[in-house]
Amino acid sequence: LTLIDLSNNQISTLSNHSLSNMSELLTLILSYNRLRCIPVRAFDGLKSLRLLSLHGNDISLIPEGAFKDL
């Protein structure tokens, strides 16, 4: 699996490590959801990720280190 498009799904939260087993994922699209913050470990394990789309959300909190493994 190299692409996941979860846009327009009314997702309001991301869990820590929820995508950690997807080490081959290249593209993750989370646009136009209801995300307000990005947990520090939300993207852990996504070592191959090249495109992360978060536009169209109302994100007001991105803690330091949220993207450190990307």
Protein backbone atom coordinates (compact mmCIF):
# COMPACT_ATOMS: atom_id res chain seq x y z
CA LEU A 1 0.00 0.00 0.00
CA THR A 2 1.62 3.25 -1.13
CA LEU A 3 -1.28 5.75 -1.14
CA ILE A 4 -4.08 6.43 1.34
CA ASP A 5 -6.66 9.13 0.62
CA LEU A 6 -8.77 9.86 3.69
CA SER A 7 -9.89 13.31 2.56
CA ASN A 8 -13.43 14.51 3.29
CA ASN A 9 -14.09 11.90 5.99
CA GLN A 10 -14.80 14.17 8.98
CA ILE A 11 -11.80 12.74 10.85
CA SER A 12 -11.33 14.81 14.01
CA THR A 13 -8.43 13.04 15.73
CA LEU A 14 -5.35 11.05 14.91
CA SER A 15 -4.01 8.51 17.37
CA ASN A 16 -0.35 8.04 18.20
CA HIS A 17 1.17 5.25 16.10
CA SER A 18 -2.12 4.63 14.24
CA LEU A 19 -0.26 4.35 10.92
CA SER A 20 3.05 3.01 12.23
CA ASN A 21 2.83 -0.34 10.43
CA MET A 22 2.64 1.34 7.00
CA SER A 23 6.36 1.72 6.39
CA GLU A 24 5.97 1.64 2.58
CA LEU A 25 3.35 4.41 2.45
CA LEU A 26 4.41 7.18 0.06
CA THR A 27 1.32 9.44 0.04
CA LEU A 28 -1.08 10.23 2.87
CA ILE A 29 -3.96 12.61 2.15
CA LEU A 30 -5.89 13.88 5.17
CA SER A 31 -7.29 17.03 3.56
CA TYR A 32 -10.68 18.55 4.40
CA ASN A 33 -11.31 16.76 7.65
CA ARG A 34 -11.86 18.17 11.14
CA LEU A 35 -8.33 17.87 12.45
CA ARG A 36 -7.39 20.51 15.02
CA CYS A 37 -4.10 19.14 16.35
CA ILE A 38 -1.43 16.67 15.31
CA PRO A 39 -0.22 14.30 18.07
CA VAL A 40 3.55 14.02 18.48
CA ARG A 41 3.66 10.36 17.43
CA ALA A 42 0.88 10.38 14.80
CA PHE A 43 3.26 9.75 11.90
CA ASP A 44 5.83 7.47 13.58
CA GLY A 45 6.99 4.65 11.34
CA LEU A 46 6.12 6.35 8.04
CA LYS A 47 9.74 6.32 6.91
CA SER A 48 8.91 6.20 3.18
CA LEU A 49 6.33 9.02 3.22
CA ARG A 50 6.99 11.65 0.54
CA LEU A 51 3.68 13.56 0.44
CA LEU A 52 1.52 14.49 3.42
CA SER A 53 -1.54 16.62 2.65
CA LEU A 54 -3.26 18.32 5.59
CA HIS A 55 -4.85 21.34 3.90
CA GLY A 56 -8.47 22.20 4.54
CA ASN A 57 -8.25 21.35 8.26
CA ASP A 58 -8.44 23.79 11.16
CA ILE A 59 -5.13 22.75 12.72
CA SER A 60 -4.12 25.07 15.55
CA LEU A 61 -1.61 22.88 17.41
CA ILE A 62 1.41 21.09 16.02
CA PRO A 63 3.72 20.07 18.86
CA GLU A 64 7.47 20.16 18.42
CA GLY A 65 8.65 16.86 16.95
CA ALA A 66 5.35 15.94 15.29
CA PHE A 67 7.12 15.43 11.96
CA LYS A 68 10.52 14.23 13.22
CA ASP A 69 10.33 10.72 11.69
CA LEU A 70 9.26 11.93 8.25
